[in-house]
Protein backbone atom coordinates (compact mmCIF):
# COMPACT_ATOMS: atom_id res chain seq x y z
CA MET A 1 -0.49 -31.79 -11.66
CA THR A 2 1.81 -34.81 -10.98
CA PRO A 3 3.73 -35.09 -7.69
CA GLU A 4 6.95 -34.50 -9.58
CA GLN A 5 5.61 -31.26 -11.14
CA ARG A 6 4.46 -30.09 -7.77
CA ALA A 7 7.73 -30.88 -6.13
CA ALA A 8 9.56 -28.97 -8.89
CA LEU A 9 7.27 -25.94 -8.40
CA GLU A 10 7.80 -26.03 -4.60
CA GLU A 11 11.53 -26.17 -5.10
CA GLU A 12 11.38 -23.19 -7.49
CA ARG A 13 9.12 -21.33 -4.96
CA ASP A 14 11.59 -21.87 -2.07
CA HIS A 15 14.50 -20.67 -4.40
CA LEU A 16 12.62 -17.58 -5.36
CA LEU A 17 11.57 -16.62 -1.87
CA GLY A 18 15.20 -17.31 -0.68
CA SER A 19 16.47 -15.01 -3.54
CA LEU A 20 14.03 -12.27 -2.40
CA GLU A 21 15.26 -12.62 1.05
CA ASP A 22 18.99 -12.34 -0.05
CA LEU A 23 18.13 -9.45 -2.19
CA GLU A 24 16.53 -7.60 0.64
CA SER A 25 19.51 -8.22 2.86
CA GLU A 26 21.89 -6.89 0.29
CA PHE A 27 19.89 -3.76 -0.27
CA LEU A 28 19.55 -3.05 3.48
CA ALA A 29 23.27 -3.59 3.91
CA GLY A 30 23.88 -0.93 1.28
CA ASP A 31 25.45 -3.45 -1.25
CA MET A 32 22.99 -2.70 -4.01
CA ASP A 33 21.61 0.50 -5.42
CA GLU A 34 17.84 1.15 -5.37
CA GLN A 35 17.31 0.88 -9.08
CA ASP A 36 18.94 -2.53 -9.35
CA TYR A 37 17.14 -3.69 -6.20
CA GLN A 38 13.71 -2.68 -7.51
CA THR A 39 14.34 -4.28 -10.90
CA LEU A 40 15.49 -7.60 -9.48
CA LYS A 41 12.87 -7.64 -6.74
CA GLU A 42 10.20 -7.15 -9.37
CA GLU A 43 11.37 -9.98 -11.51
CA TYR A 44 11.70 -12.37 -8.62
CA THR A 45 8.34 -11.26 -7.34
CA LEU A 46 6.64 -11.91 -10.63
CA ARG A 47 8.04 -15.38 -10.99
CA ALA A 48 7.18 -16.22 -7.32
CA ALA A 49 3.60 -14.97 -7.79
CA GLN A 50 3.28 -17.15 -10.93
CA VAL A 51 4.63 -20.29 -9.22
CA LEU A 52 2.29 -19.66 -6.19
CA ARG A 53 -0.73 -19.44 -8.52
CA LYS A 54 0.33 -22.64 -10.25
CA LEU A 55 0.56 -24.40 -6.94
CA ASP A 56 -2.89 -23.15 -5.87
CA PRO A 57 -4.81 -22.66 -9.07
CA SER A 58 -8.22 -22.91 -7.35
CA SER A 59 -7.58 -19.82 -5.16
CA THR A 60 -9.32 -16.67 -6.13
CA LYS A 61 -6.94 -14.64 -4.02
CA VAL A 62 -3.28 -14.02 -4.21
CA LYS A 63 -1.94 -14.54 -0.70
CA ALA A 64 0.91 -12.63 1.00
CA VAL A 65 3.84 -14.88 1.95
CA GLN A 66 6.03 -13.56 4.64
CA ILE A 67 9.61 -14.53 4.53
CA ALA A 68 11.36 -15.43 7.80
CA GLN A 69 14.52 -13.29 7.89
CA PRO A 70 17.42 -13.90 10.13
CA ASP A 71 18.64 -11.14 12.42
CA ARG A 72 21.57 -9.40 10.85
CA SER A 73 23.33 -6.52 12.62
CA GLY A 74 25.25 -3.80 10.95
CA GLY A 75 24.56 -1.85 7.82
CA PRO A 76 21.72 0.60 7.16
CA ARG A 77 18.17 -0.62 7.59
CA TRP A 78 15.01 0.96 6.34
CA ARG A 79 12.32 -0.93 8.16
CA THR A 80 8.98 0.85 9.01
CA ALA A 81 5.74 0.03 10.81
CA ALA A 82 4.76 -3.54 10.30
CA VAL A 83 6.16 -3.68 6.77
CA VAL A 84 7.40 -7.13 5.84
CA LEU A 85 8.90 -8.47 2.67
CA GLY A 86 6.34 -10.53 0.74
CA VAL A 87 5.70 -11.78 -2.70
CA LEU A 88 2.98 -9.21 -3.29
CA ALA A 89 5.29 -6.64 -4.71
CA PHE A 90 3.92 -4.07 -7.15
CA ALA A 91 4.39 -6.02 -10.33
CA ALA A 92 2.21 -8.82 -9.00
CA LEU A 93 -0.79 -6.48 -9.00
CA ALA A 94 -1.33 -7.27 -12.64
CA GLY A 95 -2.34 -10.85 -11.81
CA VAL A 96 -4.83 -9.77 -9.13
CA LEU A 97 -6.43 -7.14 -11.31
CA VAL A 98 -6.70 -9.50 -14.25
CA ALA A 99 -8.09 -12.16 -11.99
CA ARG A 100 -11.09 -9.98 -11.18
CA GLY A 101 -12.09 -10.06 -14.75
CA SER A 102 -10.66 -8.84 -17.98
CA GLY A 103 -12.38 -6.54 -20.40
CA GLN A 104 -15.00 -5.31 -17.90
CA ARG A 105 -14.48 -1.62 -18.71
CA GLY A 106 -13.67 -0.24 -22.07
CA ASP A 107 -14.08 -3.79 -23.54
CA ASN A 108 -13.75 -2.90 -27.21
CA ALA A 109 -14.02 -6.79 -27.36
CA ILE A 110 -12.64 -8.69 -30.24
CA THR A 111 -15.42 -9.91 -32.54
CA GLY A 112 -17.70 -9.65 -29.55
CA ASP A 113 -16.26 -12.71 -27.87
CA THR A 114 -15.39 -11.55 -24.40
CA GLY A 115 -14.32 -15.05 -23.31
CA SER A 116 -11.66 -15.15 -26.13
CA LEU A 117 -10.54 -11.64 -25.11
CA ARG A 118 -10.02 -12.69 -21.52
CA GLN A 119 -7.97 -15.70 -22.60
CA GLN A 120 -5.83 -13.49 -24.93
CA LEU A 121 -5.31 -10.89 -22.17
CA ALA A 122 -4.32 -13.67 -19.74
CA THR A 123 -1.83 -15.10 -22.29
CA CYS A 124 -0.31 -11.69 -22.82
CA GLN A 125 -0.02 -11.09 -19.09
CA THR A 126 1.85 -14.32 -18.54
CA THR A 127 4.12 -13.67 -21.47
CA SER A 128 4.76 -10.04 -20.34
CA PHE A 129 5.69 -11.20 -16.83
CA GLN A 130 8.42 -13.40 -18.18
CA LYS A 131 9.55 -11.36 -21.20
CA PRO A 132 8.24 -7.78 -21.39
CA ALA A 133 9.38 -7.30 -24.88
CA ASP A 134 7.34 -10.34 -26.05
CA GLY A 135 4.40 -9.08 -24.02
CA ILE A 136 4.46 -5.91 -25.92
CA GLU A 137 4.04 -7.87 -29.25
CA CYS A 138 1.36 -9.97 -27.67
CA TYR A 139 -0.70 -7.01 -26.64
CA ASP A 140 -0.14 -5.46 -30.12
CA GLU A 141 -2.15 -8.33 -31.55
CA ILE A 142 -5.16 -7.49 -29.27
CA LEU A 143 -4.88 -3.81 -29.87
CA ALA A 144 -4.82 -4.26 -33.58
CA GLN A 145 -8.40 -5.42 -33.32
CA ALA A 146 -9.41 -3.62 -30.15
CA PRO A 147 -7.41 -0.37 -30.15
CA GLU A 148 -9.25 1.10 -27.13
CA ASN A 149 -9.06 -1.89 -24.72
CA LEU A 150 -8.05 -0.30 -21.49
CA GLU A 151 -6.41 -3.39 -20.05
CA ALA A 152 -4.37 -4.16 -23.08
CA LEU A 153 -3.21 -0.54 -23.28
CA THR A 154 -2.35 -0.32 -19.52
CA TYR A 155 -0.40 -3.59 -19.25
CA GLN A 156 1.33 -3.11 -22.56
CA GLY A 157 2.40 0.39 -21.19
CA TRP A 158 3.87 -1.46 -18.08
CA ALA A 159 5.72 -3.83 -20.30
CA TYR A 160 7.17 -0.86 -22.16
CA VAL A 161 8.29 0.68 -18.89
CA ARG A 162 9.93 -2.62 -17.82
CA SER A 163 11.63 -2.82 -21.22
CA ASP A 164 13.29 0.55 -20.63
CA GLN A 165 10.91 2.40 -22.98
CA PRO A 166 9.18 4.69 -20.38
CA ALA A 167 8.07 7.26 -23.07
CA LYS A 168 6.06 4.67 -24.89
CA GLY A 169 4.63 3.29 -21.71
CA GLN A 170 3.62 6.83 -20.60
CA ALA A 171 1.89 7.35 -24.09
CA ASN A 172 -0.14 4.23 -23.38
CA PHE A 173 -1.12 5.39 -19.94
CA ASP A 174 -2.07 8.82 -21.15
CA LYS A 175 -4.36 7.25 -23.82
CA VAL A 176 -6.00 5.14 -21.12
CA VAL A 177 -6.66 8.21 -18.92
CA ALA A 178 -8.08 10.08 -21.90
CA LEU A 179 -10.46 7.13 -22.62
CA ASP A 180 -11.48 6.56 -19.04
CA PRO A 181 -10.02 8.68 -16.19
CA SER A 182 -11.59 6.43 -13.57
CA TYR A 183 -9.85 3.24 -14.66
CA PRO A 184 -7.98 2.44 -11.47
CA ASP A 185 -5.21 0.11 -12.73
CA VAL A 186 -3.46 2.73 -14.76
CA ARG A 187 -3.23 5.10 -11.79
CA VAL A 188 -1.13 2.73 -9.81
CA PHE A 189 1.37 2.22 -12.77
CA ARG A 190 1.54 5.98 -13.27
CA ALA A 191 2.21 6.44 -9.58
CA SER A 192 5.08 3.88 -9.65
CA VAL A 193 6.64 5.58 -12.60
CA ALA A 194 6.46 8.99 -10.91
CA ALA A 195 7.82 7.64 -7.61
CA SER A 196 10.68 6.01 -9.41
CA ALA A 197 11.58 9.47 -10.81
CA GLN A 198 11.24 10.87 -7.28
CA ASP A 199 8.27 12.92 -8.29
CA TYR A 200 6.41 12.03 -5.18
CA GLU A 201 3.75 14.82 -5.37
CA THR A 202 2.57 13.37 -8.81
CA ALA A 203 2.76 9.84 -7.36
CA ALA A 204 0.58 10.81 -4.52
CA GLN A 205 -1.94 12.53 -6.77
CA GLU A 206 -2.18 9.32 -8.87
CA LEU A 207 -2.83 7.18 -5.82
CA GLU A 208 -5.36 9.71 -4.59
CA THR A 209 -7.22 9.24 -7.88
CA PHE A 210 -6.90 5.53 -7.59
CA TYR A 211 -8.60 5.44 -4.24
CA ALA A 212 -11.21 7.91 -5.43
CA SER A 213 -12.14 5.46 -8.20
CA SER A 214 -13.56 2.87 -5.73
CA PRO A 215 -10.97 0.25 -6.71
CA PRO A 216 -11.63 -3.43 -5.94
CA ALA A 217 -10.43 -4.61 -2.54
CA ALA A 218 -7.92 -6.97 -4.08
CA ALA A 219 -6.15 -4.20 -5.82
CA VAL A 220 -5.98 -2.07 -2.66
CA GLN A 221 -4.68 -4.95 -0.67
CA VAL A 222 -1.85 -5.63 -3.11
CA LEU A 223 -1.05 -1.95 -3.45
CA GLN A 224 -0.68 -1.64 0.36
CA SER A 225 1.52 -4.73 0.44
CA GLN A 226 4.06 -3.79 -2.09
CA GLY A 227 5.53 -0.63 -0.57
CA LEU A 228 4.69 2.10 -3.05
CA GLU A 229 2.71 4.11 -0.53
CA ARG A 230 5.60 3.69 1.99
CA LYS A 231 7.97 5.16 -0.62
CA ILE A 232 5.76 8.12 -1.29
CA PHE A 233 5.18 8.70 2.37
CA PHE A 234 8.95 8.96 3.07
CA GLY A 235 9.49 10.82 -0.15
CA LEU A 236 7.09 13.54 0.88
CA LEU A 237 8.44 13.98 4.45
CA ASP A 238 10.84 16.88 5.15
CA SER A 239 14.48 15.73 5.44
CA GLY A 240 14.68 16.18 9.22
CA THR A 241 11.73 14.02 9.96
CA ARG A 242 12.73 11.36 7.40
CA ASP A 243 16.23 11.21 9.07
CA CYS A 244 14.51 10.47 12.37
CA TRP A 245 12.44 7.70 10.89
CA GLN A 246 15.55 6.16 9.43
CA GLN A 247 17.44 6.41 12.69
CA ALA A 248 14.44 4.69 14.48
CA ALA A 249 14.36 1.97 11.81
CA GLN A 250 18.01 1.05 12.58
CA THR A 251 16.96 -0.14 16.01
CA GLN A 252 14.37 -2.58 14.64
CA GLN A 253 15.12 -6.22 14.10
CA GLN A 254 14.63 -7.72 10.65
CA GLY A 255 10.97 -8.64 10.15
CA GLU A 256 9.95 -7.23 13.54
CA GLN A 257 6.75 -5.41 14.17
CA PHE A 258 6.59 -1.73 15.14
CA ASN A 259 7.79 -1.82 18.83
CA GLN A 260 8.27 0.53 21.71
CA GLN A 261 12.03 0.98 21.19
CA VAL A 262 11.48 2.19 17.64
CA LEU A 263 8.91 4.66 18.87
CA ASP A 264 11.15 5.87 21.69
CA THR A 265 14.09 6.43 19.34
CA LEU A 266 11.87 8.14 16.89
CA GLY A 267 10.44 10.38 19.64
CA THR A 268 13.81 11.40 20.93
CA CYS A 269 15.12 12.32 17.58
CA LEU A 270 11.91 14.29 16.67
CA GLN A 271 12.12 16.28 19.92
CA ALA A 272 15.63 17.41 19.00
CA GLU A 273 14.41 18.24 15.40
CA LEU A 274 11.52 20.39 16.90
CA VAL A 275 13.96 22.39 19.04
CA THR A 276 15.60 23.45 15.78
CA ASN A 277 12.44 23.71 13.73
CA PRO A 278 9.38 24.06 16.01
CA GLN A 279 7.10 24.74 12.96
CA ASN A 280 7.94 21.37 11.43
CA VAL A 281 4.41 19.79 11.09
CA ASP A 282 5.70 16.57 9.74
CA ALA A 283 7.88 16.25 12.90
CA LEU A 284 4.89 17.14 15.11
CA VAL A 285 2.60 14.50 13.60
CA SER A 286 5.38 11.78 13.69
CA LEU A 287 6.14 12.71 17.29
CA ALA A 288 2.41 12.38 18.16
CA LEU A 289 2.42 8.96 16.61
CA SER A 290 5.32 7.89 18.64
CA LYS A 291 3.40 8.78 21.81
CA VAL A 292 0.91 5.99 21.16
CA GLY A 293 2.98 2.86 21.52
CA PRO A 294 2.28 -0.72 22.42
CA GLU A 295 3.78 -0.33 25.90
CA VAL A 296 3.59 3.36 26.68
CA ALA A 297 0.67 5.49 25.47
CA ASP A 298 0.04 9.13 26.23
CA LEU A 299 -3.01 10.29 24.31
CA PRO A 300 -3.17 13.83 25.86
CA ALA A 301 0.40 14.52 24.72
CA ALA A 302 -0.28 13.15 21.29
CA ASN A 303 -3.44 15.19 20.92
CA ALA A 304 -1.60 18.35 22.09
CA LEU A 305 1.09 17.82 19.50
CA LEU A 306 -1.58 17.42 16.71
CA GLN A 307 -3.35 20.46 18.02
CA THR A 308 -0.10 22.41 17.56
CA ALA A 309 0.39 21.09 14.14
CA LEU A 310 -3.20 22.09 13.09
CA GLN A 311 -2.65 25.58 14.52
CA ILE A 312 0.31 25.91 12.14
CA ALA A 313 -1.38 24.16 9.24
CA PRO A 314 -5.17 23.88 9.75
CA ASP A 315 -5.69 21.74 6.57
CA PHE A 316 -2.89 19.29 7.25
CA GLY A 317 -4.47 16.04 6.44
CA ASP A 318 -1.96 13.83 8.21
CA ALA A 319 -2.68 15.59 11.53
CA LEU A 320 -6.49 15.45 11.00
CA LEU A 321 -6.46 11.66 10.20
CA LEU A 322 -4.24 10.76 13.14
CA ARG A 323 -6.33 12.92 15.43
CA ALA A 324 -9.40 11.22 14.17
CA SER A 325 -7.78 7.81 14.78
CA LEU A 326 -6.98 8.69 18.27
CA ALA A 327 -10.48 9.96 18.99
CA ALA A 328 -11.84 6.74 17.61
CA ALA A 329 -9.45 4.73 19.79
CA ASP A 330 -10.76 6.71 22.76
CA SER A 331 -14.39 6.05 21.71
CA ARG A 332 -14.95 9.70 20.83
CA PHE A 333 -16.66 8.92 17.61
CA THR A 334 -18.33 12.33 17.14
CA ASP A 335 -14.89 13.98 17.32
CA ALA A 336 -13.37 11.45 14.94
CA GLN A 337 -16.15 11.98 12.38
CA THR A 338 -15.65 15.77 12.66
CA ASP A 339 -11.98 15.46 11.73
CA LEU A 340 -12.85 13.00 8.96
CA ALA A 341 -15.29 15.54 7.57
CA GLY A 342 -12.49 18.09 7.61
CA LEU A 343 -10.55 15.88 5.24
CA GLN A 344 -13.14 16.29 2.52
CA GLY A 345 -11.63 18.08 -0.36
CA LEU A 346 -8.07 17.66 0.85
CA PRO A 347 -5.35 15.43 -0.64
CA ARG A 348 -5.31 11.95 0.68
CA PRO A 349 -3.17 11.89 3.89
CA LYS A 350 0.16 10.38 3.26
CA ILE A 351 0.04 8.76 6.67
CA SER A 352 -2.84 6.58 5.52
CA PHE A 353 -0.40 3.66 4.78
CA LEU A 354 0.57 3.52 8.44
CA ILE A 355 -2.81 3.94 10.21
CA GLY A 356 -5.34 3.12 7.50
CA GLY A 357 -7.03 5.61 5.18
CA PRO A 358 -10.07 7.83 5.86
CA GLU A 359 -12.42 5.31 4.28
CA THR A 360 -11.12 2.49 6.44
CA LEU A 361 -11.43 4.58 9.67
CA SER A 362 -14.97 5.56 8.68
CA GLU A 363 -15.98 1.92 8.35
CA SER A 364 -14.26 1.10 11.63
CA ILE A 365 -16.13 3.90 13.41
CA ALA A 366 -19.46 2.89 11.99
CA ALA A 367 -18.87 -0.76 13.18
CA ALA A 368 -17.59 0.40 16.59
CA THR A 369 -20.58 2.80 17.01
CA ARG A 370 -23.01 0.00 16.42
CA ALA A 371 -21.30 -2.34 18.79
CA ALA A 372 -20.56 0.17 21.47
CA THR A 373 -23.90 2.06 21.71
CA THR A 374 -26.55 -0.61 21.32
CA THR A 375 -27.03 -4.25 22.13
CA THR A 376 -30.22 -5.87 21.32
CA ASN A 377 -32.05 -7.72 24.10
CA PRO A 378 -31.98 -11.48 23.18
CA ASN A 379 -35.70 -11.63 24.19
CA PRO A 380 -37.47 -11.16 20.86
CA SER A 381 -40.63 -9.95 22.64
CA SER A 382 -38.82 -7.01 24.02
CA SER A 383 -37.49 -3.99 22.23
CA THR A 384 -35.49 -2.79 25.12
CA THR A 385 -31.92 -1.82 24.26
CA THR A 386 -29.08 -1.18 26.66
CA THR A 387 -26.12 1.17 26.09
CA SER A 388 -22.75 -0.42 26.60
CA PRO A 389 -20.30 1.28 28.90
CA ARG A 390 -17.81 3.57 27.16
CA THR A 391 -14.44 2.10 26.95
CA SER A 392 -11.12 3.67 26.20
CA ASP A 393 -8.39 2.02 24.19
CA SER A 394 -5.19 3.93 23.43
CA ARG A 395 -4.33 1.75 20.40
CA ILE A 396 -4.75 3.38 17.05
CA PRO A 397 -7.16 1.51 14.72
CA ASN A 398 -4.43 0.44 12.31
CA PRO A 399 -5.23 -2.24 9.69
CA ASN A 400 -1.94 -1.76 7.90
CA GLY A 401 0.40 -1.23 10.80
CA GLY A 402 1.13 -2.62 14.28
């Protein structure tokens, strides 16, 4: 790449990131409806992701880019725990998934030449990013010779959706599921379509299947970055609890992390909600979360609220997962593992996007147990082990939040 080409790409990158920032501001100010916002955000995101990959072609990972956003007062804001605007929006997932290797499952490879197939898929992906209609035709050429290629079917389906042909896109997705129900990529696209239609229950089920398919870490990282889980979380909350979250979000500065003021505002609103509806388990769990802040933490109060929620709804996954997180933060690993075991067979907790999913917490507990219970004597001739003192930390293990 020549210096002139790099300079042009850097200029385009800065323009696109600035456009994303302006787009976010317009949406948060209420000057744009959600459908237009999502469409434009996707287009800008795709183009930004392409430019970033061109600037760093040797990288095997797509990196999140945080956009510094100025503080703007006034207008509605929908800012939640540690969620920042970045270029890893949902549409960019395609690049990450393809980067991990095309044609690995359901190859149906063209003339047995997997290398050629990868090249063709990559070409169609780039074309589809820029012009979905042209991408559809590009994938048609692959599917004419490999009609059961999962990747071509899936990403052509997404191109159909982006071209305002959702029925054809859904037909592709359904065919992929019939061929291989465990193929993870298609589940995210189906979840996005369902969420856009405000069918949040179906969207949540699709993501549950996605996580159950042991998806690659890169796909999970991008999914968590682009906001689909957040949208489903708030879509599934009861209206009273959702309103409290929105009220709390209005106290948060643009680009700011989850802070004590947000939690205090959330808690005050939820307490009033529970006076009116004391059986509201969503409100009880969110209130419990508000009790564990960066400045003020009250684990007994949080656990009492979760106990109340579980008395009302014993199989409420959000309450079990948050209680397990609190137990782990307090080094009560056996209690945490008991609650995690209680999640077996239940739907994936929707609060996972805020505090980390059950699988993440299980890994954290395993690592913390090894570190907290046994340290090996540095003298190789001795097998003596010592138990580390138990420590308490009120912070929730939270890989996705603050």
